[in-house]
């Protein structure tokens, strides 16, 4: 395997072949949901393009001058641009830096590479600055845009890129990879982790950690207990306090989505691969009204927006608000059984 992960191999071979046949575009858009290895792909493909071997290799050699400089973080023909703070947008001045970088000729080979992380966070000014460069690309330039939400990019930017989606994979391939990472993995358990991560293999790997997995196992029971009045919101918040807020929000929203699926008789994600119905989830779905769950989802989304946008609100307060919102939306429910 040449790509960083098995599900990326088809895209790797297509782009590698285009490069070897001198058909590689000057701008590549690597897109797809988070947790599928886009950034690892961009790093590995950058290494391949800057490797100083014969150009026919399947991946970078890791030992030549180009590979050594890149690994040390000081290759003069590579520029990495990313938001200055996690969750923040790329700035127009960062994009303008590309002009100065590409104004200089390559130091070693014929290629200069720039990787733009979180390209979908650019505002219009930054995107217009990038567009000027894409319309008149310097000779030897390769610009890789990495984006979770490519639809957020200007259509004129997308149209000037060779687009590659990296989140297209058969769930069975992802499950088998997760099982291999876990050694003698449990297929049913890995399917549950994959469902919890919305199909993201790297997200599933994170959620499979014993501490997170155990806390997520108890989320359904906590929702049922608060809905039935057996547990106050602050008690549930304390039980789940060790869960990072982003994980708590994503997992509560996932459970709400699955509750609504059960209300309509639709299959749960990955059911076709044999994923079992989590214990008690049907009972909780039967006890709740779809409208109440939908109303809560809107409130949970607002908490998520506050989490992403506020620098003053404490995460512990946001988590408590989430549980109070759940109580307000579902008070009076009487689940017949606890969920797992």
Protein backbone atom coordinates (compact mmCIF):
# COMPACT_ATOMS: atom_id res chain seq x y z
CA UNK A 1 0.00 0.00 0.00
CA UNK A 2 1.32 3.44 -0.95
CA UNK A 3 -1.37 5.71 0.49
CA UNK A 4 -1.44 6.48 4.22
CA UNK A 5 -4.65 4.44 4.66
CA UNK A 6 -6.20 1.65 2.57
CA UNK A 7 -9.37 3.56 1.64
CA UNK A 8 -7.19 6.33 0.15
CA UNK A 9 -5.32 4.00 -2.20
CA UNK A 10 -7.55 4.53 -5.30
CA UNK A 11 -7.20 8.32 -5.07
CA UNK A 12 -3.46 7.97 -4.44
CA UNK A 13 -2.97 5.85 -7.55
CA UNK A 14 -5.00 8.25 -9.72
CA UNK A 15 -3.02 11.31 -8.64
CA UNK A 16 0.32 9.49 -8.75
CA UNK A 17 -0.43 8.34 -12.29
CA UNK A 18 -1.41 11.89 -13.31
CA UNK A 19 1.85 13.18 -11.85
CA UNK A 20 3.98 10.58 -13.63
CA UNK A 21 2.22 11.35 -16.92
CA UNK A 22 2.61 15.11 -16.33
CA UNK A 23 -1.16 15.58 -16.14
CA UNK A 24 -1.29 16.72 -12.53
CA UNK A 25 -3.17 19.97 -12.12
CA UNK A 26 -1.55 23.03 -10.59
CA UNK A 27 -4.30 23.09 -7.95
CA UNK A 28 -5.69 20.05 -6.10
CA UNK A 29 -8.77 20.15 -3.89
CA UNK A 30 -8.64 17.30 -1.34
CA UNK A 31 -12.06 17.21 0.26
CA UNK A 32 -14.30 15.11 2.44
CA UNK A 33 -15.60 14.72 5.93
CA UNK A 34 -13.22 15.00 8.87
CA UNK A 35 -11.56 11.81 10.04
CA UNK A 36 -10.71 10.22 6.69
CA UNK A 37 -7.03 11.21 6.50
CA UNK A 38 -7.06 14.17 4.10
CA UNK A 39 -4.17 15.87 5.85
CA UNK A 40 -2.11 12.69 6.01
CA UNK A 41 -2.76 12.25 2.29
CA UNK A 42 -1.60 15.81 1.54
CA UNK A 43 1.56 15.31 3.60
CA UNK A 44 2.40 11.99 1.96
CA UNK A 45 1.69 13.25 -1.56
CA UNK A 46 3.79 16.35 -0.92
CA UNK A 47 6.65 14.06 0.15
CA UNK A 48 6.25 12.04 -3.04
CA UNK A 49 6.41 15.16 -5.25
CA UNK A 50 9.51 16.49 -3.46
CA UNK A 51 11.31 13.14 -3.27
CA UNK A 52 14.50 13.21 -5.36
CA UNK A 53 14.49 9.60 -6.53
CA UNK A 54 13.69 8.58 -10.11
CA UNK A 55 10.04 9.67 -10.04
CA UNK A 56 8.62 6.19 -10.63
CA UNK A 57 8.42 5.16 -6.99
CA UNK A 58 5.10 4.39 -5.32
CA UNK A 59 5.85 6.65 -2.37
CA UNK A 60 8.57 8.94 -1.04
CA UNK A 61 11.83 7.18 -0.21
CA UNK A 62 12.27 8.98 3.14
CA UNK A 63 16.06 9.13 2.79
CA UNK A 64 16.98 11.58 0.00
CA UNK A 65 17.74 15.27 0.48
CA UNK A 66 14.17 16.31 -0.34
CA UNK A 67 12.64 13.82 2.09
CA UNK A 68 15.12 14.73 4.82
CA UNK A 69 14.49 18.46 4.50
CA UNK A 70 10.73 17.98 4.44
CA UNK A 71 10.80 15.75 7.52
CA UNK A 72 12.89 18.38 9.33
CA UNK A 73 10.33 21.06 8.48
CA UNK A 74 12.67 23.29 6.47
CA UNK A 75 12.27 22.35 2.81
CA UNK A 76 12.50 25.64 0.88
CA UNK A 77 10.09 24.43 -1.79
CA UNK A 78 7.23 23.69 0.59
CA UNK A 79 4.86 26.11 2.31
CA UNK A 80 2.17 25.09 4.78
CA UNK A 81 -0.67 27.49 5.55
CA UNK A 82 -3.22 26.84 8.29
CA UNK A 83 -5.44 28.94 10.59
CA UNK A 84 -3.44 30.64 13.30
CA UNK A 85 -5.79 29.23 15.95
CA UNK A 86 -7.86 26.06 15.96
CA UNK A 87 -11.40 26.76 14.81
CA UNK A 88 -10.50 30.16 13.35
CA UNK A 89 -10.56 31.27 9.72
CA UNK A 90 -7.67 31.66 7.32
CA UNK A 91 -6.68 35.31 6.92
CA UNK A 92 -6.24 37.16 3.66
CA UNK A 93 -2.65 38.07 4.59
CA UNK A 94 -1.85 34.35 4.89
CA UNK A 95 -3.13 33.73 1.38
CA UNK A 96 -1.22 36.73 0.03
CA UNK A 97 1.93 35.12 1.41
CA UNK A 98 1.59 32.60 -1.41
CA UNK A 99 2.40 35.29 -3.96
CA UNK A 100 5.77 36.04 -2.39
CA UNK A 101 6.51 32.34 -1.99
CA UNK A 102 5.79 31.42 -5.60
CA UNK A 103 7.61 34.51 -6.90
CA UNK A 104 10.87 32.68 -6.08
CA UNK A 105 12.07 29.87 -8.31
CA UNK A 106 12.28 26.35 -6.91
CA UNK A 107 15.52 25.65 -5.06
CA UNK A 108 16.04 22.03 -6.01
CA UNK A 109 13.67 20.55 -8.56
CA UNK A 110 11.03 22.02 -10.86
CA UNK A 111 8.19 21.97 -8.32
CA UNK A 112 7.13 24.23 -5.48
CA UNK A 113 4.27 23.08 -3.28
CA UNK A 114 1.86 24.85 -0.96
CA UNK A 115 -0.69 23.07 1.22
CA UNK A 116 -3.61 25.17 2.49
CA UNK A 117 -5.32 23.60 5.50
CA UNK A 118 -8.95 24.38 6.27
CA UNK A 119 -9.29 26.08 2.89
CA UNK A 120 -13.06 26.16 3.39
CA UNK A 121 -12.65 28.73 6.20
CA UNK A 122 -11.41 31.47 3.87
CA UNK A 123 -13.57 34.57 3.69
CA UNK A 124 -14.30 36.20 0.34
CA UNK A 125 -11.25 38.48 0.48
CA UNK A 126 -8.91 35.56 1.10
CA UNK A 127 -10.63 33.48 -1.58
CA UNK A 128 -10.31 36.28 -4.13
CA UNK A 129 -6.61 36.59 -3.33
CA UNK A 130 -6.20 32.87 -3.94
CA UNK A 131 -8.27 33.04 -7.11
CA UNK A 132 -5.83 35.47 -8.71
CA UNK A 133 -3.04 32.97 -8.16
CA UNK A 134 -5.09 30.06 -9.50
CA UNK A 135 -5.98 32.01 -12.65
CA UNK A 136 -2.32 32.63 -13.46
CA UNK A 137 -0.39 29.84 -11.73
CA UNK A 138 3.41 30.12 -11.67
CA UNK A 139 5.33 27.45 -13.53
CA UNK A 140 5.93 24.39 -11.36
CA UNK A 141 3.39 25.40 -8.73
CA UNK A 142 1.26 22.76 -7.01
CA UNK A 143 -1.31 24.12 -4.55
CA UNK A 144 -3.21 21.59 -2.42
CA UNK A 145 -6.39 22.81 -0.76
CA UNK A 146 -7.63 20.65 2.11
CA UNK A 147 -11.30 21.18 2.96
CA UNK A 148 -13.92 19.41 5.06
CA UNK A 149 -16.73 21.38 3.38
CA UNK A 150 -15.75 22.12 -0.23
CA UNK A 151 -19.17 23.67 -0.89
CA UNK A 152 -18.05 26.58 1.33
CA UNK A 153 -15.39 27.50 -1.22
CA UNK A 154 -16.19 29.94 -4.00
CA UNK A 155 -17.40 28.06 -7.10
CA UNK A 156 -14.72 29.88 -9.11
CA UNK A 157 -12.04 28.46 -6.79
CA UNK A 158 -13.43 24.93 -7.01
CA UNK A 159 -13.67 25.08 -10.78
CA UNK A 160 -9.94 25.78 -11.06
CA UNK A 161 -8.97 22.76 -8.96
CA UNK A 162 -8.54 19.09 -9.73
CA UNK A 163 -11.05 17.76 -7.19
CA UNK A 164 -10.57 14.55 -5.24
CA UNK A 165 -13.01 13.35 -2.58
CA UNK A 166 -11.24 11.29 0.07
CA UNK A 167 -14.19 10.16 2.19
CA UNK A 168 -15.61 7.64 -0.28
CA UNK A 169 -15.03 4.18 1.20
CA UNK A 170 -16.90 0.95 1.73
CA UNK A 171 -17.89 0.64 5.42
CA UNK A 172 -16.64 -2.96 5.42
CA UNK A 173 -13.15 -1.74 4.48
CA UNK A 174 -13.22 0.75 7.36
CA UNK A 175 -14.48 -1.87 9.80
CA UNK A 176 -11.74 -4.31 8.78
CA UNK A 177 -9.09 -1.61 9.19
CA UNK A 178 -10.37 -0.76 12.66
CA UNK A 179 -10.31 -4.43 13.62
CA UNK A 180 -6.72 -4.70 12.38
CA UNK A 181 -5.69 -1.68 14.45
CA UNK A 182 -7.26 -3.24 17.53
CA UNK A 183 -5.49 -6.57 17.02
CA UNK A 184 -8.10 -9.27 17.52
CA UNK A 185 -10.86 -6.70 17.25
CA UNK A 186 -14.54 -7.34 17.86
CA UNK A 187 -16.44 -6.75 14.61
CA UNK A 188 -19.66 -5.73 16.38
CA UNK A 189 -17.80 -3.32 18.65
CA UNK A 190 -15.89 -1.74 15.77
CA UNK A 191 -19.16 -1.25 13.88
CA UNK A 192 -20.55 0.55 16.92
CA UNK A 193 -17.48 2.80 17.10
CA UNK A 194 -17.79 3.51 13.37
CA UNK A 195 -21.47 4.41 13.74
CA UNK A 196 -20.66 6.69 16.66
CA UNK A 197 -18.11 8.50 14.50
CA UNK A 198 -20.59 8.97 11.62
CA UNK A 199 -18.57 6.58 9.46
CA UNK A 200 -15.21 8.26 10.06
CA UNK A 201 -12.48 5.63 10.65
CA UNK A 202 -10.06 7.96 12.42
CA UNK A 203 -12.90 9.35 14.51
CA UNK A 204 -13.92 5.80 15.37
CA UNK A 205 -10.39 5.01 16.43
CA UNK A 206 -10.47 7.98 18.80
CA UNK A 207 -13.84 7.02 20.25
CA UNK A 208 -12.65 3.45 20.79
CA UNK A 209 -10.35 4.55 23.60
CA UNK A 210 -11.51 2.80 26.80
CA UNK A 211 -12.32 6.01 28.68
CA UNK A 212 -14.34 7.65 25.89
CA UNK A 213 -16.01 4.40 24.91
CA UNK A 214 -17.23 3.71 28.43
CA UNK A 215 -18.62 7.23 28.84
CA UNK A 216 -20.41 7.08 25.49
CA UNK A 217 -21.84 3.68 26.46
CA UNK A 218 -23.61 5.41 29.34
CA UNK A 219 -25.01 8.35 27.37
CA UNK A 220 -28.22 6.61 26.34
CA UNK A 221 -28.99 5.64 29.93
CA UNK A 222 -28.31 9.22 31.03
CA UNK A 223 -30.71 10.57 28.41
CA UNK A 224 -33.38 8.08 29.46
CA UNK A 225 -32.89 8.87 33.15
CA UNK A 226 -33.23 12.63 32.65
CA UNK A 227 -36.22 12.21 30.33
CA UNK A 228 -38.06 10.07 32.90
CA UNK A 229 -37.15 12.30 35.85
CA UNK A 230 -34.97 9.66 37.52
CA UNK A 231 -31.89 11.88 37.21
CA UNK A 232 -31.64 15.68 37.41
CA UNK A 233 -29.80 17.46 34.59
CA UNK A 234 -26.92 18.46 36.84
CA UNK A 235 -26.49 14.83 37.89
CA UNK A 236 -26.26 13.70 34.27
CA UNK A 237 -23.84 16.54 33.52
CA UNK A 238 -21.61 15.41 36.39
CA UNK A 239 -21.68 11.80 35.17
CA UNK A 240 -20.57 12.89 31.70
CA UNK A 241 -18.19 15.63 32.82
CA UNK A 242 -15.12 13.75 31.56
CA UNK A 243 -16.47 13.76 28.00
CA UNK A 244 -15.02 16.62 25.91
CA UNK A 245 -17.85 18.96 24.99
CA UNK A 246 -17.43 18.41 21.25
CA UNK A 247 -17.74 14.65 21.76
CA UNK A 248 -20.74 15.06 24.07
CA UNK A 249 -22.55 17.26 21.56
CA UNK A 250 -21.82 15.00 18.61
CA UNK A 251 -22.86 11.87 20.46
CA UNK A 252 -26.08 13.34 21.85
CA UNK A 253 -27.00 14.59 18.37
CA UNK A 254 -26.19 11.16 16.92
CA UNK A 255 -28.42 9.45 19.47
CA UNK A 256 -31.23 11.87 18.66
CA UNK A 257 -30.85 11.08 14.97
CA UNK A 258 -31.01 7.36 15.71
CA UNK A 259 -34.07 7.84 17.93
CA UNK A 260 -35.84 9.60 15.06
CA UNK A 261 -34.86 6.81 12.68
CA UNK A 262 -36.37 4.26 15.04
CA UNK A 263 -39.54 6.35 15.35
CA UNK A 264 -40.02 6.06 11.58
CA UNK A 265 -39.01 2.41 11.35
CA UNK A 266 -35.87 3.21 9.36
CA UNK A 267 -32.72 1.10 9.86
CA UNK A 268 -29.86 2.46 11.92
CA UNK A 269 -26.55 3.33 10.21
CA UNK A 270 -24.46 0.23 9.39
CA UNK A 271 -27.37 -2.10 10.16
CA UNK A 272 -26.77 -3.74 6.78
CA UNK A 273 -23.30 -4.78 7.99
CA UNK A 274 -24.76 -6.38 11.10
CA UNK A 275 -24.65 -3.55 13.61
CA UNK A 276 -26.92 -4.53 16.51
CA UNK A 277 -29.58 -2.26 17.96
CA UNK A 278 -28.06 -0.77 21.14
CA UNK A 279 -29.79 -2.04 24.27
CA UNK A 280 -32.81 0.02 25.28
CA UNK A 281 -32.63 2.50 22.38
CA UNK A 282 -35.94 1.31 20.95
CA UNK A 283 -37.62 1.68 24.35
CA UNK A 284 -36.41 5.27 24.61
CA UNK A 285 -37.62 5.99 21.09
CA UNK A 286 -41.04 4.56 21.91
CA UNK A 287 -41.31 6.80 24.98
CA UNK A 288 -40.51 10.06 23.20
CA UNK A 289 -42.34 12.25 20.72
CA UNK A 290 -40.53 12.99 17.45
CA UNK A 291 -41.39 16.69 17.71
CA UNK A 292 -39.80 16.91 21.16
CA UNK A 293 -36.60 15.26 19.95
CA UNK A 294 -36.50 17.54 16.90
CA UNK A 295 -36.97 20.63 19.07
CA UNK A 296 -34.11 19.52 21.28
CA UNK A 297 -31.85 18.96 18.26
CA UNK A 298 -32.28 22.61 17.32
CA UNK A 299 -31.30 23.67 20.84
CA UNK A 300 -28.31 21.33 20.83
CA UNK A 301 -27.17 22.82 17.53
CA UNK A 302 -27.33 26.25 19.13
CA UNK A 303 -25.15 25.02 22.01
CA UNK A 304 -22.71 23.72 19.41
CA UNK A 305 -22.62 27.11 17.69
CA UNK A 306 -21.95 28.78 21.02
CA UNK A 307 -19.15 26.33 21.70
CA UNK A 308 -17.51 27.10 18.35
CA UNK A 309 -18.00 30.85 18.47
CA UNK A 310 -17.68 31.96 22.07
CA UNK A 311 -14.41 32.59 23.87
CA UNK A 312 -16.06 33.55 27.16
CA UNK A 313 -18.57 30.77 27.87
CA UNK A 314 -17.25 27.87 29.92
CA UNK A 315 -17.67 24.40 28.44
CA UNK A 316 -19.02 23.08 31.74
CA UNK A 317 -21.84 25.66 31.57
CA UNK A 318 -22.65 24.74 27.98
CA UNK A 319 -22.79 21.05 28.91
CA UNK A 320 -25.21 21.80 31.75
CA UNK A 321 -27.41 23.87 29.42
CA UNK A 322 -27.53 20.90 27.08
CA UNK A 323 -28.92 18.63 29.80
CA UNK A 324 -31.44 21.21 30.97
CA UNK A 325 -32.59 21.61 27.36
CA UNK A 326 -33.04 17.83 27.12
CA UNK A 327 -35.08 17.79 30.32
CA UNK A 328 -37.28 20.64 29.08
CA UNK A 329 -37.89 18.90 25.76
CA UNK A 330 -38.60 15.42 27.07
CA UNK A 331 -40.00 15.81 30.59
CA UNK A 332 -42.75 13.30 31.20
CA UNK A 333 -41.24 10.51 29.12
CA UNK A 334 -41.26 7.10 30.77
CA UNK A 335 -38.78 4.83 28.99
CA UNK A 336 -39.45 1.15 29.62
CA UNK A 337 -35.78 0.33 29.67
CA UNK A 338 -32.43 2.04 29.91
CA UNK A 339 -30.24 2.41 26.86
CA UNK A 340 -26.68 1.43 26.64
